Amino acid sequence: MPTIDEKRVYTDNTGTETVFVATGAGAVAVSVSDDLVGGFGIAHRCAARDVAAGGGTLAVAADEDVFRADLTAAGGAGADEGGDAATDAEAAEGALDFEATGFGPAAAVGFDGESLLAGDDEGRVARLDAGEKAGSEESGESGAGAWTDLGRVGGVRAADGPLVAAADGVYRVDDGLSHVGLDDARDVAGSEPLAATGTGLYKLGNGWMDVLDGEFEAVSARDGRAHAAGGGDLYARDDGGEWSREPLPVGGDVAAVTHGRGATYAVTDAGTFLVRLPGEEWRHQILGLRGVAAAAAV
């Protein structure tokens, strides 16, 4: 079985997309060409709890701090055809330069436009606007003043777009934080909006409306596609708006789900990485990842 320390390449790096997975060993970069899994390796070693991409930046929430890397600076083999982002896992592993931001231990990160949001287990939510200088212990700068505190909520679980999922519900971010309902929120998809909670999956319409009952841990939506993980299973929304369980070719509980430009990605708690293109079957590769918490495609 391949491990994250091995560099197994199954395709070339032409037209690839990189999926970053938050694991106990760090942020792992997985290169995918269409629906074929290629090279993979640790892009940044830390106790990663969440990962998000936006505005050409990759952010990692870790027990140590919030780390960020400029995807547009990787260049070369690690850039896509437009040269705008690191898309080859092996290039990203060597080329991405992560900096500590001075937020402190974090549980979640997300992007609201180009602004980076972060939250911790104590309920602190803060924003780092695009272009703001980040501080770090290494540089001798605390970063205080770079992050703008937005308020306090229950323990933060996730952030996406203008929404934050917390132990006491879903919050909307503006100049501060506004509670917009629900309880025990585990994840949010800000583009829809959708919320995964301990009692069900909800969508925001005329108030929060029931989608699926049960305990849900993760939700992702992009370009009309939507998936959610609950009870160890993966659920998908079809073109008619109906949700149903998505059969997978492997066992294990689904721990993370995300969407790329065309493909859907899922990762199990046992470290199996799955990819599916529209109209195709799921393909998978065992990566040997442990402690999977989140995934983000760039």
C-alpha atoms as a PDB file:
ATOM      1  CA  MET A   1       0.000   0.000   0.000  1.00  0.00           C
ATOM      2  CA  PRO A   2       1.433   3.437  -0.861  1.00  0.00           C
ATOM      3  CA  THR A   3       2.071   5.828   2.000  1.00  0.00           C
ATOM      4  CA  ILE A   4       2.116   9.608   2.103  1.00  0.00           C
ATOM      5  CA  ASP A   5       5.908   9.484   2.170  1.00  0.00           C
ATOM      6  CA  GLU A   6       6.027   7.688  -1.189  1.00  0.00           C
ATOM      7  CA  LYS A   7       5.663   9.528  -4.482  1.00  0.00           C
ATOM      8  CA  ARG A   8       3.575   7.221  -6.674  1.00  0.00           C
ATOM      9  CA  VAL A   9       2.632   8.828 -10.000  1.00  0.00           C
ATOM     10  CA  TYR A  10      -0.170   7.244 -12.003  1.00  0.00           C
ATOM     11  CA  THR A  11      -0.580   9.952 -14.668  1.00  0.00           C
ATOM     12  CA  ASP A  12       1.422  12.830 -16.047  1.00  0.00           C
ATOM     13  CA  ASN A  13       0.912  16.315 -14.654  1.00  0.00           C
ATOM     14  CA  THR A  14      -0.842  17.821 -17.657  1.00  0.00           C
ATOM     15  CA  GLY A  15      -4.201  19.408 -16.855  1.00  0.00           C
ATOM     16  CA  THR A  16      -4.156  18.310 -13.247  1.00  0.00           C
ATOM     17  CA  GLU A  17      -6.101  19.648 -10.290  1.00  0.00           C
ATOM     18  CA  THR A  18      -4.788  19.512  -6.736  1.00  0.00           C
ATOM     19  CA  VAL A  19      -6.936  18.557  -3.768  1.00  0.00           C
ATOM     20  CA  PHE A  20      -5.565  19.471  -0.366  1.00  0.00           C
ATOM     21  CA  VAL A  21      -6.640  17.222   2.494  1.00  0.00           C
ATOM     22  CA  ALA A  22      -6.384  18.209   6.168  1.00  0.00           C
ATOM     23  CA  THR A  23      -5.008  15.256   8.147  1.00  0.00           C
ATOM     24  CA  GLY A  24      -3.300  14.578  11.453  1.00  0.00           C
ATOM     25  CA  ALA A  25       0.038  14.494   9.617  1.00  0.00           C
ATOM     26  CA  GLY A  26      -0.509  17.820   7.867  1.00  0.00           C
ATOM     27  CA  ALA A  27      -2.002  19.299   4.710  1.00  0.00           C
ATOM     28  CA  VAL A  28      -1.622  16.624   2.040  1.00  0.00           C
ATOM     29  CA  ALA A  29      -1.611  17.593  -1.649  1.00  0.00           C
ATOM     30  CA  VAL A  30      -3.198  15.054  -4.007  1.00  0.00           C
ATOM     31  CA  SER A  31      -2.800  15.539  -7.760  1.00  0.00           C
ATOM     32  CA  VAL A  32      -5.688  14.392  -9.953  1.00  0.00           C
ATOM     33  CA  SER A  33      -5.864  14.286 -13.747  1.00  0.00           C
ATOM     34  CA  ASP A  34      -9.501  13.980 -14.798  1.00  0.00           C
ATOM     35  CA  ASP A  35     -10.498  11.059 -12.556  1.00  0.00           C
ATOM     36  CA  LEU A  36      -7.062   9.481 -12.179  1.00  0.00           C
ATOM     37  CA  VAL A  37      -5.177   9.993  -8.926  1.00  0.00           C
ATOM     38  CA  GLY A  38      -1.527  10.897  -9.407  1.00  0.00           C
ATOM     39  CA  GLY A  39       1.221  11.996  -7.018  1.00  0.00           C
ATOM     40  CA  PHE A  40       0.565  12.899  -3.421  1.00  0.00           C
ATOM     41  CA  GLY A  41       2.631  14.206  -0.533  1.00  0.00           C
ATOM     42  CA  ILE A  42       2.597  16.400   2.556  1.00  0.00           C
ATOM     43  CA  ALA A  43       2.543  20.050   1.523  1.00  0.00           C
ATOM     44  CA  HIS A  44       2.821  21.310   5.112  1.00  0.00           C
ATOM     45  CA  ARG A  45       3.453  19.307   8.264  1.00  0.00           C
ATOM     46  CA  CYS A  46       1.153  20.256  11.137  1.00  0.00           C
ATOM     47  CA  ALA A  47      -1.833  18.919  13.040  1.00  0.00           C
ATOM     48  CA  ALA A  48      -4.286  20.102  10.356  1.00  0.00           C
ATOM     49  CA  ARG A  49      -7.968  20.407  11.235  1.00  0.00           C
ATOM     50  CA  ASP A  50      -9.333  22.290   8.237  1.00  0.00           C
ATOM     51  CA  VAL A  51      -8.232  23.539   4.835  1.00  0.00           C
ATOM     52  CA  ALA A  52      -9.681  26.104   2.432  1.00  0.00           C
ATOM     53  CA  ALA A  53      -8.723  27.842  -0.800  1.00  0.00           C
ATOM     54  CA  GLY A  54      -9.735  31.223  -2.155  1.00  0.00           C
ATOM     55  CA  GLY A  55      -8.330  34.253  -3.936  1.00  0.00           C
ATOM     56  CA  GLY A  56      -5.196  32.366  -4.958  1.00  0.00           C
ATOM     57  CA  THR A  57      -4.441  31.479  -1.334  1.00  0.00           C
ATOM     58  CA  LEU A  58      -4.450  28.174   0.536  1.00  0.00           C
ATOM     59  CA  ALA A  59      -5.216  28.290   4.266  1.00  0.00           C
ATOM     60  CA  VAL A  60      -4.773  25.552   6.849  1.00  0.00           C
ATOM     61  CA  ALA A  61      -6.281  25.561  10.337  1.00  0.00           C
ATOM     62  CA  ALA A  62      -4.020  23.659  12.700  1.00  0.00           C
ATOM     63  CA  ASP A  63      -3.474  23.071  16.398  1.00  0.00           C
ATOM     64  CA  GLU A  64      -0.401  25.302  16.088  1.00  0.00           C
ATOM     65  CA  ASP A  65      -1.790  28.283  14.134  1.00  0.00           C
ATOM     66  CA  VAL A  66      -3.490  29.274  10.891  1.00  0.00           C
ATOM     67  CA  PHE A  67      -1.036  28.862   8.020  1.00  0.00           C
ATOM     68  CA  ARG A  68      -1.393  30.297   4.545  1.00  0.00           C
ATOM     69  CA  ALA A  69       0.420  29.908   1.233  1.00  0.00           C
ATOM     70  CA  ASP A  70       0.279  31.903  -1.974  1.00  0.00           C
ATOM     71  CA  LEU A  71      -0.818  29.471  -4.683  1.00  0.00           C
ATOM     72  CA  THR A  72      -0.005  31.951  -7.444  1.00  0.00           C
ATOM     73  CA  ALA A  73       3.647  32.102  -6.389  1.00  0.00           C
ATOM     74  CA  ALA A  74       4.315  28.397  -6.979  1.00  0.00           C
ATOM     75  CA  GLY A  75       4.622  28.817 -10.751  1.00  0.00           C
ATOM     76  CA  GLY A  76       6.393  26.404 -13.067  1.00  0.00           C
ATOM     77  CA  ALA A  77       5.204  22.816 -12.998  1.00  0.00           C
ATOM     78  CA  GLY A  78       3.007  23.661 -10.055  1.00  0.00           C
ATOM     79  CA  ALA A  79       0.854  26.120 -11.981  1.00  0.00           C
ATOM     80  CA  ASP A  80      -2.162  25.456 -14.111  1.00  0.00           C
ATOM     81  CA  GLU A  81      -2.294  26.289 -17.817  1.00  0.00           C
ATOM     82  CA  GLY A  82      -2.909  29.926 -16.954  1.00  0.00           C
ATOM     83  CA  GLY A  83      -0.070  29.973 -14.441  1.00  0.00           C
ATOM     84  CA  ASP A  84      -2.450  31.031 -11.698  1.00  0.00           C
ATOM     85  CA  ALA A  85      -2.316  28.228  -9.126  1.00  0.00           C
ATOM     86  CA  ALA A  86      -0.305  25.289  -7.894  1.00  0.00           C
ATOM     87  CA  THR A  87      -1.970  22.190  -9.336  1.00  0.00           C
ATOM     88  CA  ASP A  88       0.633  19.430  -9.230  1.00  0.00           C
ATOM     89  CA  ALA A  89       0.924  17.727  -5.857  1.00  0.00           C
ATOM     90  CA  GLU A  90       4.634  17.028  -6.027  1.00  0.00           C
ATOM     91  CA  ALA A  91       5.430  20.562  -7.188  1.00  0.00           C
ATOM     92  CA  ALA A  92       3.164  22.015  -4.488  1.00  0.00           C
ATOM     93  CA  GLU A  93       4.941  19.966  -1.836  1.00  0.00           C
ATOM     94  CA  GLY A  94       8.239  21.594  -2.644  1.00  0.00           C
ATOM     95  CA  ALA A  95       7.124  24.994  -3.900  1.00  0.00           C
ATOM     96  CA  LEU A  96       4.434  26.239  -1.531  1.00  0.00           C
ATOM     97  CA  ASP A  97       5.766  28.550   1.148  1.00  0.00           C
ATOM     98  CA  PHE A  98       3.508  28.474   4.210  1.00  0.00           C
ATOM     99  CA  GLU A  99       3.577  31.279   6.741  1.00  0.00           C
ATOM    100  CA  ALA A 100       2.084  31.381  10.220  1.00  0.00           C
ATOM    101  CA  THR A 101      -0.480  34.166  10.533  1.00  0.00           C
ATOM    102  CA  GLY A 102      -0.464  34.673  14.290  1.00  0.00           C
ATOM    103  CA  PHE A 103      -4.103  33.679  14.786  1.00  0.00           C
ATOM    104  CA  GLY A 104      -3.190  30.924  17.234  1.00  0.00           C
ATOM    105  CA  PRO A 105      -4.628  27.396  17.466  1.00  0.00           C
ATOM    106  CA  ALA A 106      -7.542  27.103  15.036  1.00  0.00           C
ATOM    107  CA  ALA A 107     -10.393  24.717  14.350  1.00  0.00           C
ATOM    108  CA  ALA A 108     -11.682  26.102  11.048  1.00  0.00           C
ATOM    109  CA  VAL A 109     -10.783  28.322   8.111  1.00  0.00           C
ATOM    110  CA  GLY A 110     -12.761  29.597   5.140  1.00  0.00           C
ATOM    111  CA  PHE A 111     -12.856  32.375   2.587  1.00  0.00           C
ATOM    112  CA  ASP A 112     -15.478  35.088   2.256  1.00  0.00           C
ATOM    113  CA  GLY A 113     -14.450  36.468  -1.106  1.00  0.00           C
ATOM    114  CA  GLU A 114     -10.725  37.106  -0.697  1.00  0.00           C
ATOM    115  CA  SER A 115     -10.963  37.602   3.070  1.00  0.00           C
ATOM    116  CA  LEU A 116      -9.748  34.713   5.224  1.00  0.00           C
ATOM    117  CA  LEU A 117     -11.953  33.704   8.156  1.00  0.00           C
ATOM    118  CA  ALA A 118     -10.762  31.593  11.071  1.00  0.00           C
ATOM    119  CA  GLY A 119     -12.310  30.253  14.246  1.00  0.00           C
ATOM    120  CA  ASP A 120     -11.239  28.267  17.280  1.00  0.00           C
ATOM    121  CA  ASP A 121     -12.682  25.842  19.801  1.00  0.00           C
ATOM    122  CA  GLU A 122     -13.368  28.682  22.233  1.00  0.00           C
ATOM    123  CA  GLY A 123     -15.655  30.418  19.744  1.00  0.00           C
ATOM    124  CA  ARG A 124     -13.430  33.250  18.561  1.00  0.00           C
ATOM    125  CA  VAL A 125     -14.041  34.268  14.936  1.00  0.00           C
ATOM    126  CA  ALA A 126     -11.677  36.647  13.138  1.00  0.00           C
ATOM    127  CA  ARG A 127     -11.001  37.935   9.643  1.00  0.00           C
ATOM    128  CA  LEU A 128      -7.750  38.556   7.789  1.00  0.00           C
ATOM    129  CA  ASP A 129      -8.436  40.732   4.768  1.00  0.00           C
ATOM    130  CA  ALA A 130      -6.605  40.224   1.475  1.00  0.00           C
ATOM    131  CA  GLY A 131      -3.230  41.935   1.483  1.00  0.00           C
ATOM    132  CA  GLU A 132      -2.994  42.128   5.265  1.00  0.00           C
ATOM    133  CA  LYS A 133       0.437  41.285   6.640  1.00  0.00           C
ATOM    134  CA  ALA A 134       0.506  38.122   8.727  1.00  0.00           C
ATOM    135  CA  GLY A 135       2.672  37.842  11.815  1.00  0.00           C
ATOM    136  CA  SER A 136       4.523  34.772  13.045  1.00  0.00           C
ATOM    137  CA  GLU A 137       6.640  33.686  15.945  1.00  0.00           C
ATOM    138  CA  GLU A 138       9.525  33.096  13.546  1.00  0.00           C
ATOM    139  CA  SER A 139       9.481  36.655  12.288  1.00  0.00           C
ATOM    140  CA  GLY A 140       9.087  38.077  15.766  1.00  0.00           C
ATOM    141  CA  GLU A 141       5.750  39.653  14.813  1.00  0.00           C
ATOM    142  CA  SER A 142       2.654  38.683  16.767  1.00  0.00           C
ATOM    143  CA  GLY A 143       0.212  39.421  13.980  1.00  0.00           C
ATOM    144  CA  ALA A 144      -2.049  41.239  16.491  1.00  0.00           C
ATOM    145  CA  GLY A 145      -3.810  43.919  14.507  1.00  0.00           C
ATOM    146  CA  ALA A 146      -3.653  41.904  11.279  1.00  0.00           C
ATOM    147  CA  TRP A 147      -6.589  39.771  12.384  1.00  0.00           C
ATOM    148  CA  THR A 148      -9.851  41.593  13.089  1.00  0.00           C
ATOM    149  CA  ASP A 149     -11.978  39.887  15.751  1.00  0.00           C
ATOM    150  CA  LEU A 150     -15.612  39.622  14.667  1.00  0.00           C
ATOM    151  CA  GLY A 151     -17.133  38.192  17.823  1.00  0.00           C
ATOM    152  CA  ARG A 152     -17.639  35.090  19.936  1.00  0.00           C
ATOM    153  CA  VAL A 153     -19.871  32.106  19.269  1.00  0.00           C
ATOM    154  CA  GLY A 154     -20.006  28.503  20.421  1.00  0.00           C
ATOM    155  CA  GLY A 155     -17.052  26.335  19.401  1.00  0.00           C
ATOM    156  CA  VAL A 156     -16.340  26.953  15.709  1.00  0.00           C
ATOM    157  CA  ARG A 157     -16.591  23.943  13.382  1.00  0.00           C
ATOM    158  CA  ALA A 158     -16.432  25.406   9.850  1.00  0.00           C
ATOM    159  CA  ALA A 159     -16.548  28.581   7.747  1.00  0.00           C
ATOM    160  CA  ASP A 160     -17.498  29.082   4.108  1.00  0.00           C
ATOM    161  CA  GLY A 161     -18.429  32.272   2.312  1.00  0.00           C
ATOM    162  CA  PRO A 162     -20.258  34.562   4.729  1.00  0.00           C
ATOM    163  CA  LEU A 163     -21.351  31.703   7.021  1.00  0.00           C
ATOM    164  CA  VAL A 164     -19.814  30.150  10.124  1.00  0.00           C
ATOM    165  CA  ALA A 165     -20.903  26.817  11.621  1.00  0.00           C
ATOM    166  CA  ALA A 166     -20.676  26.704  15.410  1.00  0.00           C
ATOM    167  CA  ALA A 167     -21.816  24.569  18.311  1.00  0.00           C
ATOM    168  CA  ASP A 168     -24.698  26.967  18.898  1.00  0.00           C
ATOM    169  CA  GLY A 169     -25.826  27.328  15.292  1.00  0.00           C
ATOM    170  CA  VAL A 170     -25.084  29.139  12.050  1.00  0.00           C
ATOM    171  CA  TYR A 171     -23.801  32.713  11.970  1.00  0.00           C
ATOM    172  CA  ARG A 172     -23.591  35.239   9.159  1.00  0.00           C
ATOM    173  CA  VAL A 173     -20.488  37.391   8.859  1.00  0.00           C
ATOM    174  CA  ASP A 174     -20.702  41.101   8.092  1.00  0.00           C
ATOM    175  CA  ASP A 175     -19.128  43.756  10.299  1.00  0.00           C
ATOM    176  CA  GLY A 176     -19.713  41.312  13.117  1.00  0.00           C
ATOM    177  CA  LEU A 177     -21.621  38.057  13.593  1.00  0.00           C
ATOM    178  CA  SER A 178     -25.370  37.510  13.387  1.00  0.00           C
ATOM    179  CA  HIS A 179     -27.011  34.275  14.508  1.00  0.00           C
ATOM    180  CA  VAL A 180     -29.237  32.989  11.683  1.00  0.00           C
ATOM    181  CA  GLY A 181     -30.639  29.871  13.291  1.00  0.00           C
ATOM    182  CA  LEU A 182     -30.190  26.132  13.821  1.00  0.00           C
ATOM    183  CA  ASP A 183     -28.103  24.439  16.487  1.00  0.00           C
ATOM    184  CA  ASP A 184     -25.109  22.088  16.612  1.00  0.00           C
ATOM    185  CA  ALA A 185     -23.918  23.154  13.154  1.00  0.00           C
ATOM    186  CA  ARG A 186     -21.026  21.020  11.866  1.00  0.00           C
ATOM    187  CA  ASP A 187     -20.431  22.466   8.374  1.00  0.00           C
ATOM    188  CA  VAL A 188     -21.804  25.045   5.943  1.00  0.00           C
ATOM    189  CA  ALA A 189     -21.788  25.657   2.206  1.00  0.00           C
ATOM    190  CA  GLY A 190     -22.051  29.397   1.881  1.00  0.00           C
ATOM    191  CA  SER A 191     -22.837  29.489  -1.840  1.00  0.00           C
ATOM    192  CA  GLU A 192     -26.236  27.768  -1.520  1.00  0.00           C
ATOM    193  CA  PRO A 193     -26.557  28.101   1.546  1.00  0.00           C
ATOM    194  CA  LEU A 194     -26.625  24.610   3.131  1.00  0.00           C
ATOM    195  CA  ALA A 195     -25.915  23.533   6.693  1.00  0.00           C
ATOM    196  CA  ALA A 196     -24.923  20.146   8.116  1.00  0.00           C
ATOM    197  CA  THR A 197     -26.002  19.727  11.737  1.00  0.00           C
ATOM    198  CA  GLY A 198     -26.306  17.064  14.378  1.00  0.00           C
ATOM    199  CA  THR A 199     -29.983  16.601  13.566  1.00  0.00           C
ATOM    200  CA  GLY A 200     -30.110  16.988   9.801  1.00  0.00           C
ATOM    201  CA  LEU A 201     -29.141  18.696   6.576  1.00  0.00           C
ATOM    202  CA  TYR A 202     -30.836  22.040   5.915  1.00  0.00           C
ATOM    203  CA  LYS A 203     -31.084  24.589   3.124  1.00  0.00           C
ATOM    204  CA  LEU A 204     -31.858  28.261   3.546  1.00  0.00           C
ATOM    205  CA  GLY A 205     -34.963  29.465   1.779  1.00  0.00           C
ATOM    206  CA  ASN A 206     -37.866  30.982   3.632  1.00  0.00           C
ATOM    207  CA  GLY A 207     -36.004  30.145   6.819  1.00  0.00           C
ATOM    208  CA  TRP A 208     -34.089  26.910   7.242  1.00  0.00           C
ATOM    209  CA  MET A 209     -35.868  24.037   5.508  1.00  0.00           C
ATOM    210  CA  ASP A 210     -35.347  20.323   6.141  1.00  0.00           C
ATOM    211  CA  VAL A 211     -33.458  18.418   3.444  1.00  0.00           C
ATOM    212  CA  LEU A 212     -32.444  15.176   5.162  1.00  0.00           C
ATOM    213  CA  ASP A 213     -32.838  13.866   8.695  1.00  0.00           C
ATOM    214  CA  GLY A 214     -29.953  12.422  10.668  1.00  0.00           C
ATOM    215  CA  GLU A 215     -26.522  13.430  11.870  1.00  0.00           C
ATOM    216  CA  PHE A 216     -24.445  15.212   9.211  1.00  0.00           C
ATOM    217  CA  GLU A 217     -20.802  16.204   9.426  1.00  0.00           C
ATOM    218  CA  ALA A 218     -19.892  17.771   6.091  1.00  0.00           C
ATOM    219  CA  VAL A 219     -21.502  19.541   3.142  1.00  0.00           C
ATOM    220  CA  SER A 220     -20.142  21.040  -0.085  1.00  0.00           C
ATOM    221  CA  ALA A 221     -21.731  22.824  -3.043  1.00  0.00           C
ATOM    222  CA  ARG A 222     -20.330  24.296  -6.248  1.00  0.00           C
ATOM    223  CA  ASP A 223     -21.745  25.154  -9.677  1.00  0.00           C
ATOM    224  CA  GLY A 224     -25.076  23.465  -8.984  1.00  0.00           C
ATOM    225  CA  ARG A 225     -23.504  20.317  -7.502  1.00  0.00           C
ATOM    226  CA  ALA A 226     -24.064  19.446  -3.846  1.00  0.00           C
ATOM    227  CA  HIS A 227     -22.952  16.570  -1.614  1.00  0.00           C
ATOM    228  CA  ALA A 228     -23.143  15.893   2.100  1.00  0.00           C
ATOM    229  CA  ALA A 229     -21.676  13.308   4.467  1.00  0.00           C
ATOM    230  CA  GLY A 230     -23.775  11.888   7.258  1.00  0.00           C
ATOM    231  CA  GLY A 231     -23.790   8.686   9.264  1.00  0.00           C
ATOM    232  CA  GLY A 232     -20.673   7.633   7.359  1.00  0.00           C
ATOM    233  CA  ASP A 233     -22.512   7.764   4.020  1.00  0.00           C
ATOM    234  CA  LEU A 234     -22.291  10.201   1.132  1.00  0.00           C
ATOM    235  CA  TYR A 235     -25.439  11.878  -0.197  1.00  0.00           C
ATOM    236  CA  ALA A 236     -25.808  13.643  -3.535  1.00  0.00           C
ATOM    237  CA  ARG A 237     -28.356  16.069  -4.953  1.00  0.00           C
ATOM    238  CA  ASP A 238     -29.570  15.282  -8.461  1.00  0.00           C
ATOM    239  CA  ASP A 239     -30.514  17.719 -11.223  1.00  0.00           C
ATOM    240  CA  GLY A 240     -34.096  17.738  -9.966  1.00  0.00           C
ATOM    241  CA  GLY A 241     -33.079  18.817  -6.500  1.00  0.00           C
ATOM    242  CA  GLU A 242     -33.692  15.434  -4.876  1.00  0.00           C
ATOM    243  CA  TRP A 243     -31.176  14.009  -2.401  1.00  0.00           C
ATOM    244  CA  SER A 244     -30.247  10.338  -2.152  1.00  0.00           C
ATOM    245  CA  ARG A 245     -27.469   8.162  -0.797  1.00  0.00           C
ATOM    246  CA  GLU A 246     -24.523   7.827  -3.175  1.00  0.00           C
ATOM    247  CA  PRO A 247     -23.145   4.252  -3.364  1.00  0.00           C
ATOM    248  CA  LEU A 248     -19.358   4.098  -3.080  1.00  0.00           C
ATOM    249  CA  PRO A 249     -17.029   1.298  -4.197  1.00  0.00           C
ATOM    250  CA  VAL A 250     -15.159   1.255  -0.865  1.00  0.00           C
ATOM    251  CA  GLY A 251     -15.974   0.865   2.800  1.00  0.00           C
ATOM    252  CA  GLY A 252     -15.293   3.337   5.575  1.00  0.00           C
ATOM    253  CA  ASP A 253     -17.031   6.488   6.715  1.00  0.00           C
ATOM    254  CA  VAL A 254     -16.848   9.554   4.489  1.00  0.00           C
ATOM    255  CA  ALA A 255     -14.956  12.232   6.427  1.00  0.00           C
ATOM    256  CA  ALA A 256     -14.648  15.001   3.811  1.00  0.00           C
ATOM    257  CA  VAL A 257     -16.190  16.029   0.505  1.00  0.00           C
ATOM    258  CA  THR A 258     -15.376  18.858  -1.900  1.00  0.00           C
ATOM    259  CA  HIS A 259     -15.848  19.902  -5.518  1.00  0.00           C
ATOM    260  CA  GLY A 260     -13.298  20.808  -8.142  1.00  0.00           C
ATOM    261  CA  ARG A 261     -13.842  22.437 -11.518  1.00  0.00           C
ATOM    262  CA  GLY A 262     -15.663  19.357 -12.809  1.00  0.00           C
ATOM    263  CA  ALA A 263     -15.002  16.476 -10.453  1.00  0.00           C
ATOM    264  CA  THR A 264     -16.359  15.597  -7.026  1.00  0.00           C
ATOM    265  CA  TYR A 265     -13.922  14.377  -4.375  1.00  0.00           C
ATOM    266  CA  ALA A 266     -14.500  12.433  -1.167  1.00  0.00           C
ATOM    267  CA  VAL A 267     -12.096  11.084   1.442  1.00  0.00           C
ATOM    268  CA  THR A 268     -12.873   8.350   3.961  1.00  0.00           C
ATOM    269  CA  ASP A 269     -11.704   8.234   7.546  1.00  0.00           C
ATOM    270  CA  ALA A 270      -9.578   5.222   6.579  1.00  0.00           C
ATOM    271  CA  GLY A 271      -7.624   7.369   4.107  1.00  0.00           C
ATOM    272  CA  THR A 272      -9.162   6.343   0.791  1.00  0.00           C
ATOM    273  CA  PHE A 273      -9.386   9.143  -1.770  1.00  0.00           C
ATOM    274  CA  LEU A 274     -12.283   9.014  -4.246  1.00  0.00           C
ATOM    275  CA  VAL A 275     -12.961  11.022  -7.410  1.00  0.00           C
ATOM    276  CA  ARG A 276     -15.909  11.084  -9.772  1.00  0.00           C
ATOM    277  CA  LEU A 277     -16.587  12.963 -12.988  1.00  0.00           C
ATOM    278  CA  PRO A 278     -20.181  13.669 -14.054  1.00  0.00           C
ATOM    279  CA  GLY A 279     -21.727  10.579 -15.625  1.00  0.00           C
ATOM    280  CA  GLU A 280     -18.790   8.370 -14.673  1.00  0.00           C
ATOM    281  CA  GLU A 281     -18.180   5.810 -11.943  1.00  0.00           C
ATOM    282  CA  TRP A 282     -16.257   6.572  -8.768  1.00  0.00           C
ATOM    283  CA  ARG A 283     -12.534   5.832  -8.895  1.00  0.00           C
ATOM    284  CA  HIS A 284     -10.415   5.542  -5.784  1.00  0.00           C
ATOM    285  CA  GLN A 285      -6.906   5.218  -4.431  1.00  0.00           C
ATOM    286  CA  ILE A 286      -5.697   4.275  -0.946  1.00  0.00           C
ATOM    287  CA  LEU A 287      -3.372   7.019   0.265  1.00  0.00           C
ATOM    288  CA  GLY A 288      -2.754   5.883   3.843  1.00  0.00           C
ATOM    289  CA  LEU A 289      -4.054   9.146   5.310  1.00  0.00           C
ATOM    290  CA  ARG A 290      -5.216   9.230   8.927  1.00  0.00           C
ATOM    291  CA  GLY A 291      -7.167  11.821  10.859  1.00  0.00           C
ATOM    292  CA  VAL A 292      -8.936  13.187   7.766  1.00  0.00           C
ATOM    293  CA  ALA A 293     -10.865  16.342   8.655  1.00  0.00           C
ATOM    294  CA  ALA A 294     -11.520  18.355   5.483  1.00  0.00           C
ATOM    295  CA  ALA A 295     -10.617  18.778   1.805  1.00  0.00           C
ATOM    296  CA  ALA A 296     -10.384  21.655  -0.676  1.00  0.00           C
ATOM    297  CA  ALA A 297      -9.712  21.643  -4.424  1.00  0.00           C
ATOM    298  CA  VAL A 298      -7.723  24.311  -6.269  1.00  0.00           C
END
